[in-house]
PDB file of all heavy atoms in Angstrom:
ATOM      1  N   ARG A   1      13.484 -41.556-218.044  1.00  0.00           N
ATOM      2  CA  ARG A   1      13.960 -41.446-219.437  1.00  0.00           C
ATOM      3  C   ARG A   1      12.889 -42.125-220.313  1.00  0.00           C
ATOM      4  O   ARG A   1      12.460 -41.635-221.428  1.00  0.00           O
ATOM      5  CB  ARG A   1      15.387 -41.829-219.767  1.00  0.00           C
ATOM      6  CG  ARG A   1      15.800 -41.506-221.101  1.00  0.00           C
ATOM      7  CD  ARG A   1      17.282 -41.511-221.310  1.00  0.00           C
ATOM      8  NE  ARG A   1      17.892 -42.776-220.952  1.00  0.00           N
ATOM      9  CZ  ARG A   1      18.612 -43.059-219.908  1.00  0.00           C
ATOM     10  NH1 ARG A   1      18.992 -42.067-218.958  1.00  0.00           N
ATOM     11  NH2 ARG A   1      19.116 -44.271-219.657  1.00  0.00           N
ATOM     12  N   MET A   2      12.563 -43.400-219.911  1.00  0.00           N
ATOM     13  CA  MET A   2      11.591 -44.138-220.671  1.00  0.00           C
ATOM     14  C   MET A   2      10.191 -43.485-220.779  1.00  0.00           C
ATOM     15  O   MET A   2       9.621 -43.485-221.927  1.00  0.00           O
ATOM     16  CB  MET A   2      11.584 -45.510-220.177  1.00  0.00           C
ATOM     17  CG  MET A   2      12.683 -46.465-220.374  1.00  0.00           C
ATOM     18  SD  MET A   2      13.245 -46.568-222.164  1.00  0.00           S
ATOM     19  CE  MET A   2      11.727 -47.285-222.828  1.00  0.00           C
ATOM     20  N   LEU A   3       9.795 -42.989-219.560  1.00  0.00           N
ATOM     21  CA  LEU A   3       8.486 -42.323-219.603  1.00  0.00           C
ATOM     22  C   LEU A   3       8.486 -41.154-220.566  1.00  0.00           C
ATOM     23  O   LEU A   3       7.441 -40.989-221.245  1.00  0.00           O
ATOM     24  CB  LEU A   3       8.193 -41.948-218.160  1.00  0.00           C
ATOM     25  CG  LEU A   3       7.872 -43.038-217.176  1.00  0.00           C
ATOM     26  CD1 LEU A   3       7.767 -42.400-215.745  1.00  0.00           C
ATOM     27  CD2 LEU A   3       6.665 -43.836-217.584  1.00  0.00           C
ATOM     28  N   GLY A   4       9.568 -40.426-220.616  1.00  0.00           N
ATOM     29  CA  GLY A   4       9.558 -39.265-221.408  1.00  0.00           C
ATOM     30  C   GLY A   4       9.690 -39.691-222.964  1.00  0.00           C
ATOM     31  O   GLY A   4       9.141 -39.091-223.730  1.00  0.00           O
ATOM     32  N   ALA A   5      10.346 -40.820-223.192  1.00  0.00           N
ATOM     33  CA  ALA A   5      10.476 -41.322-224.599  1.00  0.00           C
ATOM     34  C   ALA A   5       9.099 -41.705-225.063  1.00  0.00           C
ATOM     35  O   ALA A   5       8.842 -41.772-226.298  1.00  0.00           O
ATOM     36  CB  ALA A   5      11.351 -42.565-224.700  1.00  0.00           C
ATOM     37  N   LEU A   6       8.160 -42.081-224.133  1.00  0.00           N
ATOM     38  CA  LEU A   6       6.829 -42.570-224.452  1.00  0.00           C
ATOM     39  C   LEU A   6       5.811 -41.390-224.488  1.00  0.00           C
ATOM     40  O   LEU A   6       4.627 -41.657-224.565  1.00  0.00           O
ATOM     41  CB  LEU A   6       6.385 -43.583-223.573  1.00  0.00           C
ATOM     42  CG  LEU A   6       7.037 -44.980-223.927  1.00  0.00           C
ATOM     43  CD1 LEU A   6       6.853 -45.907-222.736  1.00  0.00           C
ATOM     44  CD2 LEU A   6       6.483 -45.565-225.090  1.00  0.00           C
ATOM     45  N   GLY A   7       6.300 -40.157-224.481  1.00  0.00           N
ATOM     46  CA  GLY A   7       5.513 -39.145-224.760  1.00  0.00           C
ATOM     47  C   GLY A   7       4.688 -38.588-223.541  1.00  0.00           C
ATOM     48  O   GLY A   7       3.619 -37.854-223.553  1.00  0.00           O
ATOM     49  N   ILE A   8       5.103 -38.980-222.304  1.00  0.00           N
ATOM     50  CA  ILE A   8       4.492 -38.638-221.037  1.00  0.00           C
ATOM     51  C   ILE A   8       5.101 -37.239-220.568  1.00  0.00           C
ATOM     52  O   ILE A   8       6.309 -37.155-220.465  1.00  0.00           O
ATOM     53  CB  ILE A   8       4.671 -39.631-219.904  1.00  0.00           C
ATOM     54  CG1 ILE A   8       3.927 -40.924-220.366  1.00  0.00           C
ATOM     55  CG2 ILE A   8       4.204 -39.201-218.559  1.00  0.00           C
ATOM     56  CD1 ILE A   8       4.057 -42.006-219.415  1.00  0.00           C
ATOM     57  N   ALA A   9       4.214 -36.230-220.332  1.00  0.00           N
ATOM     58  CA  ALA A   9       4.631 -34.833-220.025  1.00  0.00           C
ATOM     59  C   ALA A   9       5.100 -34.941-218.584  1.00  0.00           C
ATOM     60  O   ALA A   9       4.578 -35.673-217.722  1.00  0.00           O
ATOM     61  CB  ALA A   9       3.462 -33.856-220.203  1.00  0.00           C
ATOM     62  N   GLU A  10       6.133 -34.114-218.296  1.00  0.00           N
ATOM     63  CA  GLU A  10       6.727 -34.036-216.910  1.00  0.00           C
ATOM     64  C   GLU A  10       6.965 -35.396-216.342  1.00  0.00           C
ATOM     65  O   GLU A  10       6.469 -35.826-215.324  1.00  0.00           O
ATOM     66  CB  GLU A  10       5.723 -33.228-215.950  1.00  0.00           C
ATOM     67  CG  GLU A  10       5.460 -31.969-216.475  1.00  0.00           C
ATOM     68  CD  GLU A  10       4.626 -31.136-215.457  1.00  0.00           C
ATOM     69  OE1 GLU A  10       3.325 -31.633-215.140  1.00  0.00           O
ATOM     70  OE2 GLU A  10       5.017 -30.101-214.896  1.00  0.00           O
ATOM     71  N   PRO A  11       7.902 -36.187-217.041  1.00  0.00           N
ATOM     72  CA  PRO A  11       8.041 -37.577-216.641  1.00  0.00           C
ATOM     73  C   PRO A  11       8.609 -37.666-215.100  1.00  0.00           C
ATOM     74  O   PRO A  11       8.339 -38.743-214.448  1.00  0.00           O
ATOM     75  CB  PRO A  11       9.022 -38.131-217.571  1.00  0.00           C
ATOM     76  CG  PRO A  11       9.750 -36.839-218.126  1.00  0.00           C
ATOM     77  CD  PRO A  11       8.665 -35.851-218.158  1.00  0.00           C
ATOM     78  N   GLU A  12       9.455 -36.764-214.761  1.00  0.00           N
ATOM     79  CA  GLU A  12      10.025 -36.740-213.402  1.00  0.00           C
ATOM     80  C   GLU A  12       8.893 -36.775-212.359  1.00  0.00           C
ATOM     81  O   GLU A  12       8.985 -37.491-211.309  1.00  0.00           O
ATOM     82  CB  GLU A  12      10.946 -35.680-213.143  1.00  0.00           C
ATOM     83  CG  GLU A  12      12.279 -35.672-213.925  1.00  0.00           C
ATOM     84  CD  GLU A  12      11.985 -34.870-215.180  1.00  0.00           C
ATOM     85  OE1 GLU A  12      10.863 -34.520-215.505  1.00  0.00           O
ATOM     86  OE2 GLU A  12      12.883 -34.717-216.002  1.00  0.00           O
ATOM     87  N   LEU A  13       7.822 -35.908-212.595  1.00  0.00           N
ATOM     88  CA  LEU A  13       6.807 -35.839-211.592  1.00  0.00           C
ATOM     89  C   LEU A  13       5.798 -37.024-211.909  1.00  0.00           C
ATOM     90  O   LEU A  13       5.387 -37.607-210.748  1.00  0.00           O
ATOM     91  CB  LEU A  13       6.035 -34.470-211.896  1.00  0.00           C
ATOM     92  CG  LEU A  13       4.695 -34.159-210.977  1.00  0.00           C
ATOM     93  CD1 LEU A  13       5.106 -34.051-209.577  1.00  0.00           C
ATOM     94  CD2 LEU A  13       4.056 -33.027-211.533  1.00  0.00           C
ATOM     95  N   ARG A  14       5.503 -37.475-213.002  1.00  0.00           N
ATOM     96  CA  ARG A  14       4.715 -38.595-213.128  1.00  0.00           C
ATOM     97  C   ARG A  14       5.235 -39.937-212.619  1.00  0.00           C
ATOM     98  O   ARG A  14       4.459 -40.761-212.308  1.00  0.00           O
ATOM     99  CB  ARG A  14       4.432 -38.809-214.676  1.00  0.00           C
ATOM    100  CG  ARG A  14       3.275 -39.705-214.986  1.00  0.00           C
ATOM    101  CD  ARG A  14       1.952 -39.432-214.262  1.00  0.00           C
ATOM    102  NE  ARG A  14       1.487 -38.074-214.673  1.00  0.00           N
ATOM    103  CZ  ARG A  14       0.453 -37.521-214.015  1.00  0.00           C
ATOM    104  NH1 ARG A  14      -0.068 -37.962-212.957  1.00  0.00           N
ATOM    105  NH2 ARG A  14       0.052 -36.247-214.533  1.00  0.00           N
ATOM    106  N   ALA A  15       6.567 -40.006-212.607  1.00  0.00           N
ATOM    107  CA  ALA A  15       7.249 -41.180-212.017  1.00  0.00           C
ATOM    108  C   ALA A  15       6.813 -41.435-210.596  1.00  0.00           C
ATOM    109  O   ALA A  15       6.935 -42.399-210.126  1.00  0.00           O
ATOM    110  CB  ALA A  15       8.743 -41.094-212.218  1.00  0.00           C
ATOM    111  N   LYS A  16       6.425 -40.370-209.979  1.00  0.00           N
ATOM    112  CA  LYS A  16       6.083 -40.461-208.535  1.00  0.00           C
ATOM    113  C   LYS A  16       4.623 -40.743-208.261  1.00  0.00           C
ATOM    114  O   LYS A  16       4.230 -41.010-207.138  1.00  0.00           O
ATOM    115  CB  LYS A  16       6.396 -39.097-207.800  1.00  0.00           C
ATOM    116  CG  LYS A  16       7.835 -38.705-207.925  1.00  0.00           C
ATOM    117  CD  LYS A  16       8.139 -37.296-207.267  1.00  0.00           C
ATOM    118  CE  LYS A  16       9.541 -36.960-207.394  1.00  0.00           C
ATOM    119  NZ  LYS A  16       9.817 -35.567-206.789  1.00  0.00           N
ATOM    120  N   SER A  17       3.866 -40.796-209.431  1.00  0.00           N
ATOM    121  CA  SER A  17       2.500 -41.084-209.349  1.00  0.00           C
ATOM    122  C   SER A  17       2.231 -42.675-209.072  1.00  0.00           C
ATOM    123  O   SER A  17       2.927 -43.520-209.484  1.00  0.00           O
ATOM    124  CB  SER A  17       1.771 -40.679-210.486  1.00  0.00           C
ATOM    125  OG  SER A  17       1.812 -39.333-210.821  1.00  0.00           O
ATOM    126  N   TYR A  18       1.016 -42.818-208.436  1.00  0.00           N
ATOM    127  CA  TYR A  18       0.644 -44.269-208.144  1.00  0.00           C
ATOM    128  C   TYR A  18      -0.379 -44.632-209.352  1.00  0.00           C
ATOM    129  O   TYR A  18      -0.998 -43.836-209.856  1.00  0.00           O
ATOM    130  CB  TYR A  18       0.029 -44.420-206.846  1.00  0.00           C
ATOM    131  CG  TYR A  18       1.085 -44.299-205.743  1.00  0.00           C
ATOM    132  CD1 TYR A  18       1.479 -43.137-205.297  1.00  0.00           C
ATOM    133  CD2 TYR A  18       1.621 -45.489-205.249  1.00  0.00           C
ATOM    134  CE1 TYR A  18       2.457 -43.017-204.303  1.00  0.00           C
ATOM    135  CE2 TYR A  18       2.600 -45.348-204.263  1.00  0.00           C
ATOM    136  CZ  TYR A  18       3.076 -44.254-203.776  1.00  0.00           C
ATOM    137  OH  TYR A  18       4.062 -44.125-202.783  1.00  0.00           O
ATOM    138  N   PRO A  19      -0.572 -45.983-209.464  1.00  0.00           N
ATOM    139  CA  PRO A  19      -1.440 -46.379-210.767  1.00  0.00           C
ATOM    140  C   PRO A  19      -2.845 -45.865-210.512  1.00  0.00           C
ATOM    141  O   PRO A  19      -3.403 -45.434-211.631  1.00  0.00           O
ATOM    142  CB  PRO A  19      -1.505 -47.949-210.498  1.00  0.00           C
ATOM    143  CG  PRO A  19      -0.190 -48.334-209.954  1.00  0.00           C
ATOM    144  CD  PRO A  19       0.186 -47.173-209.049  1.00  0.00           C
ATOM    145  N   HIS A  20      -3.440 -45.591-209.377  1.00  0.00           N
ATOM    146  CA  HIS A  20      -4.678 -45.138-209.357  1.00  0.00           C
ATOM    147  C   HIS A  20      -4.790 -43.552-209.634  1.00  0.00           C
ATOM    148  O   HIS A  20      -5.936 -43.118-209.720  1.00  0.00           O
ATOM    149  CB  HIS A  20      -5.372 -45.210-207.917  1.00  0.00           C
ATOM    150  CG  HIS A  20      -4.802 -44.548-206.796  1.00  0.00           C
ATOM    151  ND1 HIS A  20      -3.536 -44.711-206.154  1.00  0.00           N
ATOM    152  CD2 HIS A  20      -5.083 -43.215-206.299  1.00  0.00           C
ATOM    153  CE1 HIS A  20      -3.274 -43.820-205.263  1.00  0.00           C
ATOM    154  NE2 HIS A  20      -4.170 -42.823-205.466  1.00  0.00           N
ATOM    155  N   GLN A  21      -3.636 -42.948-209.840  1.00  0.00           N
ATOM    156  CA  GLN A  21      -3.698 -41.514-210.099  1.00  0.00           C
ATOM    157  C   GLN A  21      -3.400 -41.270-211.686  1.00  0.00           C
ATOM    158  O   GLN A  21      -3.309 -40.181-212.039  1.00  0.00           O
ATOM    159  CB  GLN A  21      -2.495 -40.884-209.295  1.00  0.00           C
ATOM    160  CG  GLN A  21      -2.764 -40.983-207.839  1.00  0.00           C
ATOM    161  CD  GLN A  21      -1.537 -40.424-207.046  1.00  0.00           C
ATOM    162  OE1 GLN A  21      -0.332 -40.777-207.323  1.00  0.00           O
ATOM    163  NE2 GLN A  21      -1.806 -39.541-206.076  1.00  0.00           N
ATOM    164  N   ILE A  22      -3.324 -42.282-212.425  1.00  0.00           N
ATOM    165  CA  ILE A  22      -3.120 -42.086-213.884  1.00  0.00           C
ATOM    166  C   ILE A  22      -4.296 -42.770-214.653  1.00  0.00           C
ATOM    167  O   ILE A  22      -5.065 -43.660-214.137  1.00  0.00           O
ATOM    168  CB  ILE A  22      -1.726 -42.583-214.185  1.00  0.00           C
ATOM    169  CG1 ILE A  22      -1.668 -44.153-213.962  1.00  0.00           C
ATOM    170  CG2 ILE A  22      -0.658 -41.972-213.600  1.00  0.00           C
ATOM    171  CD1 ILE A  22      -0.416 -44.906-214.397  1.00  0.00           C
ATOM    172  N   SER A  23      -4.324 -42.273-215.940  1.00  0.00           N
ATOM    173  CA  SER A  23      -5.399 -42.839-216.809  1.00  0.00           C
ATOM    174  C   SER A  23      -5.075 -44.158-217.301  1.00  0.00           C
ATOM    175  O   SER A  23      -3.854 -44.590-217.295  1.00  0.00           O
ATOM    176  CB  SER A  23      -5.611 -41.834-217.932  1.00  0.00           C
ATOM    177  OG  SER A  23      -4.594 -41.817-218.748  1.00  0.00           O
ATOM    178  N   GLY A  24      -6.009 -44.789-217.922  1.00  0.00           N
ATOM    179  CA  GLY A  24      -5.740 -46.195-218.528  1.00  0.00           C
ATOM    180  C   GLY A  24      -4.808 -46.080-219.673  1.00  0.00           C
ATOM    181  O   GLY A  24      -3.835 -46.949-219.809  1.00  0.00           O
ATOM    182  N   GLY A  25      -4.845 -44.963-220.459  1.00  0.00           N
ATOM    183  CA  GLY A  25      -3.919 -44.865-221.560  1.00  0.00           C
ATOM    184  C   GLY A  25      -2.473 -44.593-221.021  1.00  0.00           C
ATOM    185  O   GLY A  25      -1.551 -45.177-221.553  1.00  0.00           O
ATOM    186  N   MET A  26      -2.312 -43.804-219.967  1.00  0.00           N
ATOM    187  CA  MET A  26      -1.027 -43.587-219.431  1.00  0.00           C
ATOM    188  C   MET A  26      -0.493 -44.832-218.694  1.00  0.00           C
ATOM    189  O   MET A  26       0.709 -45.203-218.871  1.00  0.00           O
ATOM    190  CB  MET A  26      -1.109 -42.379-218.360  1.00  0.00           C
ATOM    191  CG  MET A  26       0.336 -41.996-217.893  1.00  0.00           C
ATOM    192  SD  MET A  26       0.258 -40.453-216.942  1.00  0.00           S
ATOM    193  CE  MET A  26      -0.242 -39.397-218.170  1.00  0.00           C
ATOM    194  N   ALA A  27      -1.353 -45.653-218.060  1.00  0.00           N
ATOM    195  CA  ALA A  27      -0.956 -46.855-217.522  1.00  0.00           C
ATOM    196  C   ALA A  27      -0.388 -47.896-218.624  1.00  0.00           C
ATOM    197  O   ALA A  27       0.632 -48.555-218.384  1.00  0.00           O
ATOM    198  CB  ALA A  27      -1.980 -47.615-216.818  1.00  0.00           C
ATOM    199  N   GLN A  28      -0.938 -47.818-219.905  1.00  0.00           N
ATOM    200  CA  GLN A  28      -0.527 -48.605-220.889  1.00  0.00           C
ATOM    201  C   GLN A  28       0.958 -48.153-221.315  1.00  0.00           C
ATOM    202  O   GLN A  28       1.785 -48.914-221.579  1.00  0.00           O
ATOM    203  CB  GLN A  28      -1.558 -48.377-222.085  1.00  0.00           C
ATOM    204  CG  GLN A  28      -1.098 -49.346-223.255  1.00  0.00           C
ATOM    205  CD  GLN A  28      -1.496 -50.908-222.978  1.00  0.00           C
ATOM    206  OE1 GLN A  28      -0.895 -51.481-222.041  1.00  0.00           O
ATOM    207  NE2 GLN A  28      -2.536 -51.419-223.728  1.00  0.00           N
ATOM    208  N   ARG A  29       1.141 -46.907-221.251  1.00  0.00           N
ATOM    209  CA  ARG A  29       2.487 -46.350-221.648  1.00  0.00           C
ATOM    210  C   ARG A  29       3.548 -46.766-220.585  1.00  0.00           C
ATOM    211  O   ARG A  29       4.702 -47.024-220.866  1.00  0.00           O
ATOM    212  CB  ARG A  29       2.477 -44.929-221.898  1.00  0.00           C
ATOM    213  CG  ARG A  29       1.932 -44.529-223.335  1.00  0.00           C
ATOM    214  CD  ARG A  29       1.989 -43.035-223.418  1.00  0.00           C
ATOM    215  NE  ARG A  29       0.822 -42.399-222.935  1.00  0.00           N
ATOM    216  CZ  ARG A  29       0.696 -41.114-222.864  1.00  0.00           C
ATOM    217  NH1 ARG A  29       1.550 -40.298-223.275  1.00  0.00           N
ATOM    218  NH2 ARG A  29      -0.499 -40.592-222.398  1.00  0.00           N
ATOM    219  N   VAL A  30       3.074 -46.795-219.357  1.00  0.00           N
ATOM    220  CA  VAL A  30       3.892 -47.177-218.213  1.00  0.00           C
ATOM    221  C   VAL A  30       4.212 -48.663-218.462  1.00  0.00           C
ATOM    222  O   VAL A  30       5.464 -48.997-218.222  1.00  0.00           O
ATOM    223  CB  VAL A  30       3.290 -47.037-216.704  1.00  0.00           C
ATOM    224  CG1 VAL A  30       4.012 -47.696-215.687  1.00  0.00           C
ATOM    225  CG2 VAL A  30       3.102 -45.468-216.595  1.00  0.00           C
ATOM    226  N   MET A  31       3.320 -49.543-218.744  1.00  0.00           N
ATOM    227  CA  MET A  31       3.656 -50.854-218.920  1.00  0.00           C
ATOM    228  C   MET A  31       4.647 -51.087-220.239  1.00  0.00           C
ATOM    229  O   MET A  31       5.543 -51.896-220.123  1.00  0.00           O
ATOM    230  CB  MET A  31       2.474 -51.688-219.279  1.00  0.00           C
ATOM    231  CG  MET A  31       1.572 -51.887-217.944  1.00  0.00           C
ATOM    232  SD  MET A  31       2.231 -52.875-216.697  1.00  0.00           S
ATOM    233  CE  MET A  31       2.661 -54.372-217.699  1.00  0.00           C
ATOM    234  N   ILE A  32       4.517 -50.247-221.156  1.00  0.00           N
ATOM    235  CA  ILE A  32       5.490 -50.325-222.314  1.00  0.00           C
ATOM    236  C   ILE A  32       6.808 -49.913-221.937  1.00  0.00           C
ATOM    237  O   ILE A  32       7.807 -50.526-222.404  1.00  0.00           O
ATOM    238  CB  ILE A  32       4.796 -49.529-223.614  1.00  0.00           C
ATOM    239  CG1 ILE A  32       3.512 -50.184-224.087  1.00  0.00           C
ATOM    240  CG2 ILE A  32       5.949 -49.434-224.618  1.00  0.00           C
ATOM    241  CD1 ILE A  32       2.832 -49.250-225.048  1.00  0.00           C
ATOM    242  N   ALA A  33       6.840 -48.856-221.144  1.00  0.00           N
ATOM    243  CA  ALA A  33       8.162 -48.272-220.601  1.00  0.00           C
ATOM    244  C   ALA A  33       8.784 -49.500-219.795  1.00  0.00           C
ATOM    245  O   ALA A  33       9.964 -49.695-219.886  1.00  0.00           O
ATOM    246  CB  ALA A  33       7.988 -47.033-219.719  1.00  0.00           C
ATOM    247  N   MET A  34       8.082 -50.135-218.925  1.00  0.00           N
ATOM    248  CA  MET A  34       8.627 -51.223-218.087  1.00  0.00           C
ATOM    249  C   MET A  34       9.215 -52.330-218.975  1.00  0.00           C
ATOM    250  O   MET A  34      10.234 -52.887-218.761  1.00  0.00           O
ATOM    251  CB  MET A  34       7.532 -51.759-217.152  1.00  0.00           C
ATOM    252  CG  MET A  34       8.121 -52.710-216.079  1.00  0.00           C
ATOM    253  SD  MET A  34       6.643 -53.234-215.021  1.00  0.00           S
ATOM    254  CE  MET A  34       6.060 -51.705-214.454  1.00  0.00           C
ATOM    255  N   ALA A  35       8.434 -52.659-220.068  1.00  0.00           N
ATOM    256  CA  ALA A  35       8.881 -53.765-220.955  1.00  0.00           C
ATOM    257  C   ALA A  35      10.042 -53.412-221.710  1.00  0.00           C
ATOM    258  O   ALA A  35      10.940 -54.276-221.876  1.00  0.00           O
ATOM    259  CB  ALA A  35       7.728 -54.100-221.834  1.00  0.00           C
ATOM    260  N   LEU A  36      10.151 -52.108-222.117  1.00  0.00           N
ATOM    261  CA  LEU A  36      11.306 -51.742-222.955  1.00  0.00           C
ATOM    262  C   LEU A  36      12.637 -51.242-222.135  1.00  0.00           C
ATOM    263  O   LEU A  36      13.633 -51.118-222.707  1.00  0.00           O
ATOM    264  CB  LEU A  36      10.943 -50.646-223.952  1.00  0.00           C
ATOM    265  CG  LEU A  36       9.786 -51.054-224.966  1.00  0.00           C
ATOM    266  CD1 LEU A  36       9.514 -49.803-225.821  1.00  0.00           C
ATOM    267  CD2 LEU A  36      10.313 -52.212-225.782  1.00  0.00           C
ATOM    268  N   ALA A  37      12.393 -51.043-220.922  1.00  0.00           N
ATOM    269  CA  ALA A  37      13.554 -50.398-220.159  1.00  0.00           C
ATOM    270  C   ALA A  37      14.831 -51.257-220.118  1.00  0.00           C
ATOM    271  O   ALA A  37      15.854 -50.764-220.087  1.00  0.00           O
ATOM    272  CB  ALA A  37      13.101 -50.147-218.681  1.00  0.00           C
ATOM    273  N   CYS A  38      14.594 -52.567-220.179  1.00  0.00           N
ATOM    274  CA  CYS A  38      15.825 -53.542-220.192  1.00  0.00           C
ATOM    275  C   CYS A  38      16.218 -53.902-221.528  1.00  0.00           C
ATOM    276  O   CYS A  38      17.138 -54.700-221.675  1.00  0.00           O
ATOM    277  CB  CYS A  38      15.447 -54.739-219.242  1.00  0.00           C
ATOM    278  SG  CYS A  38      15.367 -54.523-217.558  1.00  0.00           S
ATOM    279  N   ARG A  39      15.635 -53.272-222.540  1.00  0.00           N
ATOM    280  CA  ARG A  39      15.914 -53.506-223.912  1.00  0.00           C
ATOM    281  C   ARG A  39      15.998 -55.013-224.228  1.00  0.00           C
ATOM    282  O   ARG A  39      17.116 -55.575-224.479  1.00  0.00           O
ATOM    283  CB  ARG A  39      17.325 -52.916-224.213  1.00  0.00           C
ATOM    284  CG  ARG A  39      17.406 -51.335-224.128  1.00  0.00           C
ATOM    285  CD  ARG A  39      18.858 -50.909-223.957  1.00  0.00           C
ATOM    286  NE  ARG A  39      19.450 -50.913-225.277  1.00  0.00           N
ATOM    287  CZ  ARG A  39      19.370 -49.841-226.060  1.00  0.00           C
ATOM    288  NH1 ARG A  39      18.632 -48.859-225.885  1.00  0.00           N
ATOM    289  NH2 ARG A  39      20.044 -49.936-227.346  1.00  0.00           N
ATOM    290  N   PRO A  40      14.888 -55.601-224.265  1.00  0.00           N
ATOM    291  CA  PRO A  40      14.711 -57.140-224.294  1.00  0.00           C
ATOM    292  C   PRO A  40      15.096 -57.552-225.740  1.00  0.00           C
ATOM    293  O   PRO A  40      15.053 -56.733-226.758  1.00  0.00           O
ATOM    294  CB  PRO A  40      13.251 -57.425-223.912  1.00  0.00           C
ATOM    295  CG  PRO A  40      12.599 -56.186-224.458  1.00  0.00           C
ATOM    296  CD  PRO A  40      13.504 -54.986-224.072  1.00  0.00           C
ATOM    297  N   ARG A  41      15.427 -58.926-225.922  1.00  0.00           N
ATOM    298  CA  ARG A  41      15.631 -59.424-227.191  1.00  0.00           C
ATOM    299  C   ARG A  41      14.318 -59.855-227.909  1.00  0.00           C
ATOM    300  O   ARG A  41      14.358 -59.863-229.058  1.00  0.00           O
ATOM    301  CB  ARG A  41      16.591 -60.562-227.004  1.00  0.00           C
ATOM    302  CG  ARG A  41      17.886 -60.252-226.561  1.00  0.00           C
ATOM    303  CD  ARG A  41      18.683 -61.475-226.198  1.00  0.00           C
ATOM    304  NE  ARG A  41      18.891 -62.277-227.245  1.00  0.00           N
ATOM    305  CZ  ARG A  41      18.901 -63.626-227.265  1.00  0.00           C
ATOM    306  NH1 ARG A  41      18.837 -64.272-226.057  1.00  0.00           N
ATOM    307  NH2 ARG A  41      19.069 -64.354-228.301  1.00  0.00           N
ATOM    308  N   LEU A  42      13.281 -60.062-227.237  1.00  0.00           N
ATOM    309  CA  LEU A  42      11.984 -60.390-227.680  1.00  0.00           C
ATOM    310  C   LEU A  42      10.929 -59.636-226.920  1.00  0.00           C
ATOM    311  O   LEU A  42      10.883 -59.668-225.722  1.00  0.00           O
ATOM    312  CB  LEU A  42      11.670 -61.919-227.607  1.00  0.00           C
ATOM    313  CG  LEU A  42      10.195 -62.291-227.958  1.00  0.00           C
ATOM    314  CD1 LEU A  42       9.908 -61.973-229.398  1.00  0.00           C
ATOM    315  CD2 LEU A  42       9.958 -63.742-227.751  1.00  0.00           C
ATOM    316  N   LEU A  43      10.145 -58.824-227.525  1.00  0.00           N
ATOM    317  CA  LEU A  43       9.072 -58.088-226.953  1.00  0.00           C
ATOM    318  C   LEU A  43       7.754 -58.738-227.421  1.00  0.00           C
ATOM    319  O   LEU A  43       7.570 -58.901-228.646  1.00  0.00           O
ATOM    320  CB  LEU A  43       9.085 -56.577-227.433  1.00  0.00           C
ATOM    321  CG  LEU A  43       7.822 -55.874-226.856  1.00  0.00           C
ATOM    322  CD1 LEU A  43       7.908 -55.621-225.368  1.00  0.00           C
ATOM    323  CD2 LEU A  43       7.810 -54.464-227.598  1.00  0.00           C
ATOM    324  N   ILE A  44       6.934 -59.164-226.503  1.00  0.00           N
ATOM    325  CA  ILE A  44       5.518 -59.726-226.769  1.00  0.00           C
ATOM    326  C   ILE A  44       4.684 -58.533-226.458  1.00  0.00           C
ATOM    327  O   ILE A  44       4.453 -58.231-225.344  1.00  0.00           O
ATOM    328  CB  ILE A  44       5.241 -60.934-226.009  1.00  0.00           C
ATOM    329  CG1 ILE A  44       6.360 -62.035-226.340  1.00  0.00           C
ATOM    330  CG2 ILE A  44       3.891 -61.471-226.357  1.00  0.00           C
ATOM    331  CD1 ILE A  44       6.267 -63.283-225.505  1.00  0.00           C
ATOM    332  N   ALA A  45       3.945 -58.014-227.461  1.00  0.00           N
ATOM    333  CA  ALA A  45       2.964 -56.976-227.197  1.00  0.00           C
ATOM    334  C   ALA A  45       1.629 -57.309-227.436  1.00  0.00           C
ATOM    335  O   ALA A  45       1.270 -57.584-228.643  1.00  0.00           O
ATOM    336  CB  ALA A  45       3.313 -55.727-228.148  1.00  0.00           C
TER     337      ALA A  45
END
């Protein structure tokens, strides 16, 4: 759901990808998804 919220197409399929299979921009969105998934009280970006 977080991958989809960040504009990644076919998030179910992309969730199965490994870091070497994605672009740098997509890796950045994955990191943002990881940071926001637990709904933190403070986000350092």
